[in-house]
Amino acid sequence: IRRVTDRIRERSRNSRAAYLAKVERAIEQGPGRAHMTCGNLAH
């Protein structure tokens, strides 16, 4: 189980890193409502 997991982790190194970087950028921006206009929110 450890070997298969490590193999998947190594195979996915680049794609997983790119995915997590995208996610972290979204997390850093905070809740989406904080960046919306009053018109956006009213709708």
ModelCIF file with pLDDT and N, C-alpha, C, O atoms, coordinates in Angstrom:
data_MODEL
#
_entry.id   MODEL 
#
_entity.id                         1 
_entity.type                       polymer 
_entity.pdbx_number_of_molecules   1 
#
_entity_poly.entity_id                      1 
_entity_poly.type                           'polypeptide(L)' 
_entity_poly.nstd_linkage                   no 
_entity_poly.nstd_monomer                   no 
_entity_poly.pdbx_seq_one_letter_code       IRRVTDRIRERSRNSRAAYLAKVERAIEQGPGRAHMTCGNLAH 
_entity_poly.pdbx_seq_one_letter_code_can   IRRVTDRIRERSRNSRAAYLAKVERAIEQGPGRAHMTCGNLAH 
_entity_poly.pdbx_strand_id                 A 
#
loop_
_entity_poly_seq.entity_id 
_entity_poly_seq.num 
_entity_poly_seq.mon_id 
_entity_poly_seq.hetero 
1 1  ILE n 
1 2  ARG n 
1 3  ARG n 
1 4  VAL n 
1 5  THR n 
1 6  ASP n 
1 7  ARG n 
1 8  ILE n 
1 9  ARG n 
1 10 GLU n 
1 11 ARG n 
1 12 SER n 
1 13 ARG n 
1 14 ASN n 
1 15 SER n 
1 16 ARG n 
1 17 ALA n 
1 18 ALA n 
1 19 TYR n 
1 20 LEU n 
1 21 ALA n 
1 22 LYS n 
1 23 VAL n 
1 24 GLU n 
1 25 ARG n 
1 26 ALA n 
1 27 ILE n 
1 28 GLU n 
1 29 GLN n 
1 30 GLY n 
1 31 PRO n 
1 32 GLY n 
1 33 ARG n 
1 34 ALA n 
1 35 HIS n 
1 36 MET n 
1 37 THR n 
1 38 CYS n 
1 39 GLY n 
1 40 ASN n 
1 41 LEU n 
1 42 ALA n 
1 43 HIS n 
#
_struct_asym.id          A 
_struct_asym.entity_id   1 
#
loop_
_ma_qa_metric.id 
_ma_qa_metric.mode 
_ma_qa_metric.name 
_ma_qa_metric.software_group_id 
_ma_qa_metric.type 
1 global pLDDT . pLDDT 
2 local  pLDDT . pLDDT 
#
_ma_qa_metric_global.metric_id      1 
_ma_qa_metric_global.metric_value   94.21 
_ma_qa_metric_global.model_id       1 
_ma_qa_metric_global.ordinal_id     1 
#
loop_
_ma_qa_metric_local.label_asym_id 
_ma_qa_metric_local.label_comp_id 
_ma_qa_metric_local.label_seq_id 
_ma_qa_metric_local.metric_id 
_ma_qa_metric_local.metric_value 
_ma_qa_metric_local.model_id 
_ma_qa_metric_local.ordinal_id 
A ILE 1  2 98.00 1 1  
A ARG 2  2 98.00 1 2  
A ARG 3  2 98.00 1 3  
A VAL 4  2 98.00 1 4  
A THR 5  2 98.00 1 5  
A ASP 6  2 98.00 1 6  
A ARG 7  2 98.00 1 7  
A ILE 8  2 98.00 1 8  
A ARG 9  2 98.00 1 9  
A GLU 10 2 98.00 1 10 
A ARG 11 2 98.00 1 11 
A SER 12 2 98.00 1 12 
A ARG 13 2 98.00 1 13 
A ASN 14 2 98.00 1 14 
A SER 15 2 98.00 1 15 
A ARG 16 2 98.00 1 16 
A ALA 17 2 98.00 1 17 
A ALA 18 2 98.00 1 18 
A TYR 19 2 98.00 1 19 
A LEU 20 2 98.00 1 20 
A ALA 21 2 98.00 1 21 
A LYS 22 2 98.00 1 22 
A VAL 23 2 98.00 1 23 
A GLU 24 2 97.00 1 24 
A ARG 25 2 97.00 1 25 
A ALA 26 2 96.00 1 26 
A ILE 27 2 96.00 1 27 
A GLU 28 2 95.00 1 28 
A GLN 29 2 92.00 1 29 
A GLY 30 2 85.00 1 30 
A PRO 31 2 84.00 1 31 
A GLY 32 2 82.00 1 32 
A ARG 33 2 84.00 1 33 
A ALA 34 2 82.00 1 34 
A HIS 35 2 85.00 1 35 
A MET 36 2 88.00 1 36 
A THR 37 2 90.00 1 37 
A CYS 38 2 89.00 1 38 
A GLY 39 2 92.00 1 39 
A ASN 40 2 92.00 1 40 
A LEU 41 2 89.00 1 41 
A ALA 42 2 89.00 1 42 
A HIS 43 2 93.00 1 43 
#
loop_
_atom_site.group_PDB 
_atom_site.id 
_atom_site.type_symbol 
_atom_site.label_atom_id 
_atom_site.label_alt_id 
_atom_site.label_comp_id 
_atom_site.label_asym_id 
_atom_site.label_entity_id 
_atom_site.label_seq_id 
_atom_site.pdbx_PDB_ins_code 
_atom_site.Cartn_x 
_atom_site.Cartn_y 
_atom_site.Cartn_z 
_atom_site.occupancy 
_atom_site.B_iso_or_equiv 
_atom_site.pdbx_formal_charge 
_atom_site.auth_seq_id 
_atom_site.auth_comp_id 
_atom_site.auth_asym_id 
_atom_site.auth_atom_id 
_atom_site.pdbx_PDB_model_num 
ATOM 1   N N  . ILE A 1 1  ? 0.851   -1.196 0.000   1.00 98.00 ? 1  ILE A N  1 
ATOM 2   C CA . ILE A 1 1  ? 0.000   0.000  0.000   1.00 98.00 ? 1  ILE A CA 1 
ATOM 3   C C  . ILE A 1 1  ? 0.885   1.243  0.000   1.00 98.00 ? 1  ILE A C  1 
ATOM 4   O O  . ILE A 1 1  ? 0.605   2.210  -0.709  1.00 98.00 ? 1  ILE A O  1 
ATOM 5   N N  . ARG A 1 2  ? 1.941   1.214  0.788   1.00 98.00 ? 2  ARG A N  1 
ATOM 6   C CA . ARG A 1 2  ? 2.857   2.364  0.829   1.00 98.00 ? 2  ARG A CA 1 
ATOM 7   C C  . ARG A 1 2  ? 3.541   2.556  -0.524  1.00 98.00 ? 2  ARG A C  1 
ATOM 8   O O  . ARG A 1 2  ? 3.689   3.684  -0.993  1.00 98.00 ? 2  ARG A O  1 
ATOM 9   N N  . ARG A 1 3  ? 3.962   1.443  -1.157  1.00 98.00 ? 3  ARG A N  1 
ATOM 10  C CA . ARG A 1 3  ? 4.646   1.553  -2.450  1.00 98.00 ? 3  ARG A CA 1 
ATOM 11  C C  . ARG A 1 3  ? 3.719   2.113  -3.527  1.00 98.00 ? 3  ARG A C  1 
ATOM 12  O O  . ARG A 1 3  ? 4.120   2.974  -4.310  1.00 98.00 ? 3  ARG A O  1 
ATOM 13  N N  . VAL A 1 4  ? 2.485   1.625  -3.566  1.00 98.00 ? 4  VAL A N  1 
ATOM 14  C CA . VAL A 1 4  ? 1.540   2.134  -4.559  1.00 98.00 ? 4  VAL A CA 1 
ATOM 15  C C  . VAL A 1 4  ? 1.264   3.614  -4.316  1.00 98.00 ? 4  VAL A C  1 
ATOM 16  O O  . VAL A 1 4  ? 1.198   4.402  -5.260  1.00 98.00 ? 4  VAL A O  1 
ATOM 17  N N  . THR A 1 5  ? 1.105   3.988  -3.053  1.00 98.00 ? 5  THR A N  1 
ATOM 18  C CA . THR A 1 5  ? 0.858   5.396  -2.725  1.00 98.00 ? 5  THR A CA 1 
ATOM 19  C C  . THR A 1 5  ? 2.028   6.267  -3.144  1.00 98.00 ? 5  THR A C  1 
ATOM 20  O O  . THR A 1 5  ? 1.838   7.334  -3.727  1.00 98.00 ? 5  THR A O  1 
ATOM 21  N N  . ASP A 1 6  ? 3.246   5.808  -2.842  1.00 98.00 ? 6  ASP A N  1 
ATOM 22  C CA . ASP A 1 6  ? 4.439   6.575  -3.223  1.00 98.00 ? 6  ASP A CA 1 
ATOM 23  C C  . ASP A 1 6  ? 4.558   6.687  -4.743  1.00 98.00 ? 6  ASP A C  1 
ATOM 24  O O  . ASP A 1 6  ? 4.950   7.729  -5.269  1.00 98.00 ? 6  ASP A O  1 
ATOM 25  N N  . ARG A 1 7  ? 4.216   5.607  -5.438  1.00 98.00 ? 7  ARG A N  1 
ATOM 26  C CA . ARG A 1 7  ? 4.273   5.616  -6.904  1.00 98.00 ? 7  ARG A CA 1 
ATOM 27  C C  . ARG A 1 7  ? 3.282   6.632  -7.471  1.00 98.00 ? 7  ARG A C  1 
ATOM 28  O O  . ARG A 1 7  ? 3.607   7.379  -8.394  1.00 98.00 ? 7  ARG A O  1 
ATOM 29  N N  . ILE A 1 8  ? 2.085   6.653  -6.918  1.00 98.00 ? 8  ILE A N  1 
ATOM 30  C CA . ILE A 1 8  ? 1.077   7.634  -7.357  1.00 98.00 ? 8  ILE A CA 1 
ATOM 31  C C  . ILE A 1 8  ? 1.549   9.051  -7.051  1.00 98.00 ? 8  ILE A C  1 
ATOM 32  O O  . ILE A 1 8  ? 1.407   9.958  -7.871  1.00 98.00 ? 8  ILE A O  1 
ATOM 33  N N  . ARG A 1 9  ? 2.110   9.224  -5.862  1.00 98.00 ? 9  ARG A N  1 
ATOM 34  C CA . ARG A 1 9  ? 2.573   10.558 -5.457  1.00 98.00 ? 9  ARG A CA 1 
ATOM 35  C C  . ARG A 1 9  ? 3.673   11.059 -6.396  1.00 98.00 ? 9  ARG A C  1 
ATOM 36  O O  . ARG A 1 9  ? 3.683   12.229 -6.778  1.00 98.00 ? 9  ARG A O  1 
ATOM 37  N N  . GLU A 1 10 ? 4.590   10.173 -6.762  1.00 98.00 ? 10 GLU A N  1 
ATOM 38  C CA . GLU A 1 10 ? 5.685   10.566 -7.647  1.00 98.00 ? 10 GLU A CA 1 
ATOM 39  C C  . GLU A 1 10 ? 5.159   10.845 -9.059  1.00 98.00 ? 10 GLU A C  1 
ATOM 40  O O  . GLU A 1 10 ? 5.551   11.828 -9.687  1.00 98.00 ? 10 GLU A O  1 
ATOM 41  N N  . ARG A 1 11 ? 4.287   9.994  -9.544  1.00 98.00 ? 11 ARG A N  1 
ATOM 42  C CA . ARG A 1 11 ? 3.710   10.168 -10.879 1.00 98.00 ? 11 ARG A CA 1 
ATOM 43  C C  . ARG A 1 11 ? 2.930   11.476 -10.973 1.00 98.00 ? 11 ARG A C  1 
ATOM 44  O O  . ARG A 1 11 ? 2.868   12.100 -12.032 1.00 98.00 ? 11 ARG A O  1 
ATOM 45  N N  . SER A 1 12 ? 2.338   11.880 -9.859  1.00 98.00 ? 12 SER A N  1 
ATOM 46  C CA . SER A 1 12 ? 1.459   13.052 -9.831  1.00 98.00 ? 12 SER A CA 1 
ATOM 47  C C  . SER A 1 12 ? 2.160   14.316 -9.347  1.00 98.00 ? 12 SER A C  1 
ATOM 48  O O  . SER A 1 12 ? 1.518   15.345 -9.137  1.00 98.00 ? 12 SER A O  1 
ATOM 49  N N  . ARG A 1 13 ? 3.457   14.238 -9.174  1.00 98.00 ? 13 ARG A N  1 
ATOM 50  C CA . ARG A 1 13 ? 4.167   15.346 -8.532  1.00 98.00 ? 13 ARG A CA 1 
ATOM 51  C C  . ARG A 1 13 ? 3.849   16.692 -9.183  1.00 98.00 ? 13 ARG A C  1 
ATOM 52  O O  . ARG A 1 13 ? 3.484   17.640 -8.488  1.00 98.00 ? 13 ARG A O  1 
ATOM 53  N N  . ASN A 1 14 ? 3.982   16.786 -10.488 1.00 98.00 ? 14 ASN A N  1 
ATOM 54  C CA . ASN A 1 14 ? 3.795   18.073 -11.163 1.00 98.00 ? 14 ASN A CA 1 
ATOM 55  C C  . ASN A 1 14 ? 2.329   18.490 -11.217 1.00 98.00 ? 14 ASN A C  1 
ATOM 56  O O  . ASN A 1 14 ? 1.998   19.643 -10.941 1.00 98.00 ? 14 ASN A O  1 
ATOM 57  N N  . SER A 1 15 ? 1.453   17.553 -11.571 1.00 98.00 ? 15 SER A N  1 
ATOM 58  C CA . SER A 1 15 ? 0.034   17.895 -11.689 1.00 98.00 ? 15 SER A CA 1 
ATOM 59  C C  . SER A 1 15 ? -0.571  18.232 -10.338 1.00 98.00 ? 15 SER A C  1 
ATOM 60  O O  . SER A 1 15 ? -1.408  19.128 -10.232 1.00 98.00 ? 15 SER A O  1 
ATOM 61  N N  . ARG A 1 16 ? -0.149  17.519 -9.309  1.00 98.00 ? 16 ARG A N  1 
ATOM 62  C CA . ARG A 1 16 ? -0.675  17.805 -7.968  1.00 98.00 ? 16 ARG A CA 1 
ATOM 63  C C  . ARG A 1 16 ? -0.166  19.154 -7.470  1.00 98.00 ? 16 ARG A C  1 
ATOM 64  O O  . ARG A 1 16 ? -0.915  19.911 -6.852  1.00 98.00 ? 16 ARG A O  1 
ATOM 65  N N  . ALA A 1 17 ? 1.095   19.456 -7.733  1.00 98.00 ? 17 ALA A N  1 
ATOM 66  C CA . ALA A 1 17 ? 1.650   20.735 -7.305  1.00 98.00 ? 17 ALA A CA 1 
ATOM 67  C C  . ALA A 1 17 ? 0.920   21.896 -7.981  1.00 98.00 ? 17 ALA A C  1 
ATOM 68  O O  . ALA A 1 17 ? 0.618   22.901 -7.337  1.00 98.00 ? 17 ALA A O  1 
ATOM 69  N N  . ALA A 1 18 ? 0.640   21.759 -9.270  1.00 98.00 ? 18 ALA A N  1 
ATOM 70  C CA . ALA A 1 18 ? -0.075  22.810 -9.992  1.00 98.00 ? 18 ALA A CA 1 
ATOM 71  C C  . ALA A 1 18 ? -1.496  22.967 -9.435  1.00 98.00 ? 18 ALA A C  1 
ATOM 72  O O  . ALA A 1 18 ? -1.990  24.085 -9.283  1.00 98.00 ? 18 ALA A O  1 
ATOM 73  N N  . TYR A 1 19 ? -2.134  21.857 -9.138  1.00 98.00 ? 19 TYR A N  1 
ATOM 74  C CA . TYR A 1 19 ? -3.485  21.892 -8.578  1.00 98.00 ? 19 TYR A CA 1 
ATOM 75  C C  . TYR A 1 19 ? -3.495  22.592 -7.222  1.00 98.00 ? 19 TYR A C  1 
ATOM 76  O O  . TYR A 1 19 ? -4.323  23.470 -6.978  1.00 98.00 ? 19 TYR A O  1 
ATOM 77  N N  . LEU A 1 20 ? -2.569  22.200 -6.336  1.00 98.00 ? 20 LEU A N  1 
ATOM 78  C CA . LEU A 1 20 ? -2.540  22.795 -4.999  1.00 98.00 ? 20 LEU A CA 1 
ATOM 79  C C  . LEU A 1 20 ? -2.196  24.277 -5.050  1.00 98.00 ? 20 LEU A C  1 
ATOM 80  O O  . LEU A 1 20 ? -2.692  25.060 -4.240  1.00 98.00 ? 20 LEU A O  1 
ATOM 81  N N  . ALA A 1 21 ? -1.348  24.664 -5.999  1.00 98.00 ? 21 ALA A N  1 
ATOM 82  C CA . ALA A 1 21 ? -1.014  26.081 -6.137  1.00 98.00 ? 21 ALA A CA 1 
ATOM 83  C C  . ALA A 1 21 ? -2.250  26.882 -6.535  1.00 98.00 ? 21 ALA A C  1 
ATOM 84  O O  . ALA A 1 21 ? -2.467  27.983 -6.030  1.00 98.00 ? 21 ALA A O  1 
ATOM 85  N N  . LYS A 1 22 ? -3.058  26.332 -7.438  1.00 98.00 ? 22 LYS A N  1 
ATOM 86  C CA . LYS A 1 22 ? -4.304  26.991 -7.844  1.00 98.00 ? 22 LYS A CA 1 
ATOM 87  C C  . LYS A 1 22 ? -5.245  27.126 -6.647  1.00 98.00 ? 22 LYS A C  1 
ATOM 88  O O  . LYS A 1 22 ? -5.862  28.172 -6.449  1.00 98.00 ? 22 LYS A O  1 
ATOM 89  N N  . VAL A 1 23 ? -5.349  26.067 -5.858  1.00 98.00 ? 23 VAL A N  1 
ATOM 90  C CA . VAL A 1 23 ? -6.231  26.076 -4.696  1.00 98.00 ? 23 VAL A CA 1 
ATOM 91  C C  . VAL A 1 23 ? -5.766  27.103 -3.669  1.00 98.00 ? 23 VAL A C  1 
ATOM 92  O O  . VAL A 1 23 ? -6.577  27.845 -3.116  1.00 98.00 ? 23 VAL A O  1 
ATOM 93  N N  . GLU A 1 24 ? -4.470  27.143 -3.418  1.00 97.00 ? 24 GLU A N  1 
ATOM 94  C CA . GLU A 1 24 ? -3.944  28.074 -2.417  1.00 97.00 ? 24 GLU A CA 1 
ATOM 95  C C  . GLU A 1 24 ? -4.171  29.526 -2.828  1.00 97.00 ? 24 GLU A C  1 
ATOM 96  O O  . GLU A 1 24 ? -4.414  30.381 -1.977  1.00 97.00 ? 24 GLU A O  1 
ATOM 97  N N  . ARG A 1 25 ? -4.092  29.806 -4.122  1.00 97.00 ? 25 ARG A N  1 
ATOM 98  C CA . ARG A 1 25 ? -4.378  31.173 -4.586  1.00 97.00 ? 25 ARG A CA 1 
ATOM 99  C C  . ARG A 1 25 ? -5.827  31.541 -4.276  1.00 97.00 ? 25 ARG A C  1 
ATOM 100 O O  . ARG A 1 25 ? -6.118  32.661 -3.858  1.00 97.00 ? 25 ARG A O  1 
ATOM 101 N N  . ALA A 1 26 ? -6.721  30.594 -4.484  1.00 96.00 ? 26 ALA A N  1 
ATOM 102 C CA . ALA A 1 26 ? -8.135  30.855 -4.200  1.00 96.00 ? 26 ALA A CA 1 
ATOM 103 C C  . ALA A 1 26 ? -8.379  31.032 -2.704  1.00 96.00 ? 26 ALA A C  1 
ATOM 104 O O  . ALA A 1 26 ? -9.178  31.876 -2.299  1.00 96.00 ? 26 ALA A O  1 
ATOM 105 N N  . ILE A 1 27 ? -7.689  30.235 -1.882  1.00 96.00 ? 27 ILE A N  1 
ATOM 106 C CA . ILE A 1 27 ? -7.839  30.345 -0.427  1.00 96.00 ? 27 ILE A CA 1 
ATOM 107 C C  . ILE A 1 27 ? -7.327  31.699 0.057   1.00 96.00 ? 27 ILE A C  1 
ATOM 108 O O  . ILE A 1 27 ? -7.938  32.333 0.917   1.00 96.00 ? 27 ILE A O  1 
ATOM 109 N N  . GLU A 1 28 ? -6.216  32.126 -0.494  1.00 95.00 ? 28 GLU A N  1 
ATOM 110 C CA . GLU A 1 28 ? -5.625  33.398 -0.078  1.00 95.00 ? 28 GLU A CA 1 
ATOM 111 C C  . GLU A 1 28 ? -6.535  34.584 -0.393  1.00 95.00 ? 28 GLU A C  1 
ATOM 112 O O  . GLU A 1 28 ? -6.506  35.599 0.303   1.00 95.00 ? 28 GLU A O  1 
ATOM 113 N N  . GLN A 1 29 ? -7.331  34.450 -1.431  1.00 92.00 ? 29 GLN A N  1 
ATOM 114 C CA . GLN A 1 29 ? -8.243  35.546 -1.792  1.00 92.00 ? 29 GLN A CA 1 
ATOM 115 C C  . GLN A 1 29 ? -9.383  35.684 -0.797  1.00 92.00 ? 29 GLN A C  1 
ATOM 116 O O  . GLN A 1 29 ? -10.037 36.726 -0.738  1.00 92.00 ? 29 GLN A O  1 
ATOM 117 N N  . GLY A 1 30 ? -9.626  34.629 -0.008  1.00 85.00 ? 30 GLY A N  1 
ATOM 118 C CA . GLY A 1 30 ? -10.678 34.686 0.991   1.00 85.00 ? 30 GLY A CA 1 
ATOM 119 C C  . GLY A 1 30 ? -12.047 34.478 0.387   1.00 85.00 ? 30 GLY A C  1 
ATOM 120 O O  . GLY A 1 30 ? -12.163 34.278 -0.822  1.00 85.00 ? 30 GLY A O  1 
ATOM 121 N N  . PRO A 1 31 ? -13.094 34.521 1.205   1.00 84.00 ? 31 PRO A N  1 
ATOM 122 C CA . PRO A 1 31 ? -14.453 34.325 0.722   1.00 84.00 ? 31 PRO A CA 1 
ATOM 123 C C  . PRO A 1 31 ? -14.804 35.262 -0.427  1.00 84.00 ? 31 PRO A C  1 
ATOM 124 O O  . PRO A 1 31 ? -14.520 36.459 -0.386  1.00 84.00 ? 31 PRO A O  1 
ATOM 125 N N  . GLY A 1 32 ? -15.426 34.690 -1.449  1.00 82.00 ? 32 GLY A N  1 
ATOM 126 C CA . GLY A 1 32 ? -15.713 35.447 -2.662  1.00 82.00 ? 32 GLY A CA 1 
ATOM 127 C C  . GLY A 1 32 ? -16.564 36.673 -2.442  1.00 82.00 ? 32 GLY A C  1 
ATOM 128 O O  . GLY A 1 32 ? -16.426 37.654 -3.172  1.00 82.00 ? 32 GLY A O  1 
ATOM 129 N N  . ARG A 1 33 ? -17.452 36.645 -1.443  1.00 84.00 ? 33 ARG A N  1 
ATOM 130 C CA . ARG A 1 33 ? -18.365 37.776 -1.239  1.00 84.00 ? 33 ARG A CA 1 
ATOM 131 C C  . ARG A 1 33 ? -17.619 39.056 -0.888  1.00 84.00 ? 33 ARG A C  1 
ATOM 132 O O  . ARG A 1 33 ? -18.124 40.156 -1.113  1.00 84.00 ? 33 ARG A O  1 
ATOM 133 N N  . ALA A 1 34 ? -16.405 38.910 -0.332  1.00 82.00 ? 34 ALA A N  1 
ATOM 134 C CA . ALA A 1 34 ? -15.639 40.090 0.074   1.00 82.00 ? 34 ALA A CA 1 
ATOM 135 C C  . ALA A 1 34 ? -15.182 40.918 -1.123  1.00 82.00 ? 34 ALA A C  1 
ATOM 136 O O  . ALA A 1 34 ? -14.828 42.087 -0.964  1.00 82.00 ? 34 ALA A O  1 
ATOM 137 N N  . HIS A 1 35 ? -15.185 40.333 -2.311  1.00 85.00 ? 35 HIS A N  1 
ATOM 138 C CA . HIS A 1 35 ? -14.656 41.012 -3.496  1.00 85.00 ? 35 HIS A CA 1 
ATOM 139 C C  . HIS A 1 35 ? -15.754 41.440 -4.462  1.00 85.00 ? 35 HIS A C  1 
ATOM 140 O O  . HIS A 1 35 ? -15.470 41.861 -5.584  1.00 85.00 ? 35 HIS A O  1 
ATOM 141 N N  . MET A 1 36 ? -16.994 41.335 -4.033  1.00 88.00 ? 36 MET A N  1 
ATOM 142 C CA . MET A 1 36 ? -18.104 41.630 -4.942  1.00 88.00 ? 36 MET A CA 1 
ATOM 143 C C  . MET A 1 36 ? -18.630 43.048 -4.750  1.00 88.00 ? 36 MET A C  1 
ATOM 144 O O  . MET A 1 36 ? -18.512 43.642 -3.679  1.00 88.00 ? 36 MET A O  1 
ATOM 145 N N  . THR A 1 37 ? -19.205 43.559 -5.811  1.00 90.00 ? 37 THR A N  1 
ATOM 146 C CA . THR A 1 37 ? -19.832 44.874 -5.726  1.00 90.00 ? 37 THR A CA 1 
ATOM 147 C C  . THR A 1 37 ? -21.173 44.752 -5.007  1.00 90.00 ? 37 THR A C  1 
ATOM 148 O O  . THR A 1 37 ? -21.695 43.652 -4.824  1.00 90.00 ? 37 THR A O  1 
ATOM 149 N N  . CYS A 1 38 ? -21.708 45.870 -4.612  1.00 89.00 ? 38 CYS A N  1 
ATOM 150 C CA . CYS A 1 38 ? -23.024 45.859 -3.965  1.00 89.00 ? 38 CYS A CA 1 
ATOM 151 C C  . CYS A 1 38 ? -24.095 45.316 -4.907  1.00 89.00 ? 38 CYS A C  1 
ATOM 152 O O  . CYS A 1 38 ? -25.031 44.645 -4.471  1.00 89.00 ? 38 CYS A O  1 
ATOM 153 N N  . GLY A 1 39 ? -23.955 45.608 -6.200  1.00 92.00 ? 39 GLY A N  1 
ATOM 154 C CA . GLY A 1 39 ? -24.908 45.080 -7.174  1.00 92.00 ? 39 GLY A CA 1 
ATOM 155 C C  . GLY A 1 39 ? -24.844 43.563 -7.252  1.00 92.00 ? 39 GLY A C  1 
ATOM 156 O O  . GLY A 1 39 ? -25.871 42.885 -7.291  1.00 92.00 ? 39 GLY A O  1 
ATOM 157 N N  . ASN A 1 40 ? -23.593 43.032 -7.276  1.00 92.00 ? 40 ASN A N  1 
ATOM 158 C CA . ASN A 1 40 ? -23.431 41.574 -7.282  1.00 92.00 ? 40 ASN A CA 1 
ATOM 159 C C  . ASN A 1 40 ? -24.158 40.941 -6.097  1.00 92.00 ? 40 ASN A C  1 
ATOM 160 O O  . ASN A 1 40 ? -24.928 39.992 -6.247  1.00 92.00 ? 40 ASN A O  1 
ATOM 161 N N  . LEU A 1 41 ? -23.892 41.493 -4.922  1.00 89.00 ? 41 LEU A N  1 
ATOM 162 C CA . LEU A 1 41 ? -24.445 40.925 -3.697  1.00 89.00 ? 41 LEU A CA 1 
ATOM 163 C C  . LEU A 1 41 ? -25.968 41.049 -3.653  1.00 89.00 ? 41 LEU A C  1 
ATOM 164 O O  . LEU A 1 41 ? -26.657 40.126 -3.218  1.00 89.00 ? 41 LEU A O  1 
ATOM 165 N N  . ALA A 1 42 ? -26.483 42.176 -4.097  1.00 89.00 ? 42 ALA A N  1 
ATOM 166 C CA . ALA A 1 42 ? -27.924 42.374 -4.070  1.00 89.00 ? 42 ALA A CA 1 
ATOM 167 C C  . ALA A 1 42 ? -28.638 41.322 -4.923  1.00 89.00 ? 42 ALA A C  1 
ATOM 168 O O  . ALA A 1 42 ? -29.693 40.815 -4.541  1.00 89.00 ? 42 ALA A O  1 
ATOM 169 N N  . HIS A 1 43 ? -28.050 40.997 -6.088  1.00 93.00 ? 43 HIS A N  1 
ATOM 170 C CA . HIS A 1 43 ? -28.628 39.958 -6.936  1.00 93.00 ? 43 HIS A CA 1 
ATOM 171 C C  . HIS A 1 43 ? -28.586 38.598 -6.236  1.00 93.00 ? 43 HIS A C  1 
ATOM 172 O O  . HIS A 1 43 ? -29.031 37.599 -6.801  1.00 93.00 ? 43 HIS A O  1 
#
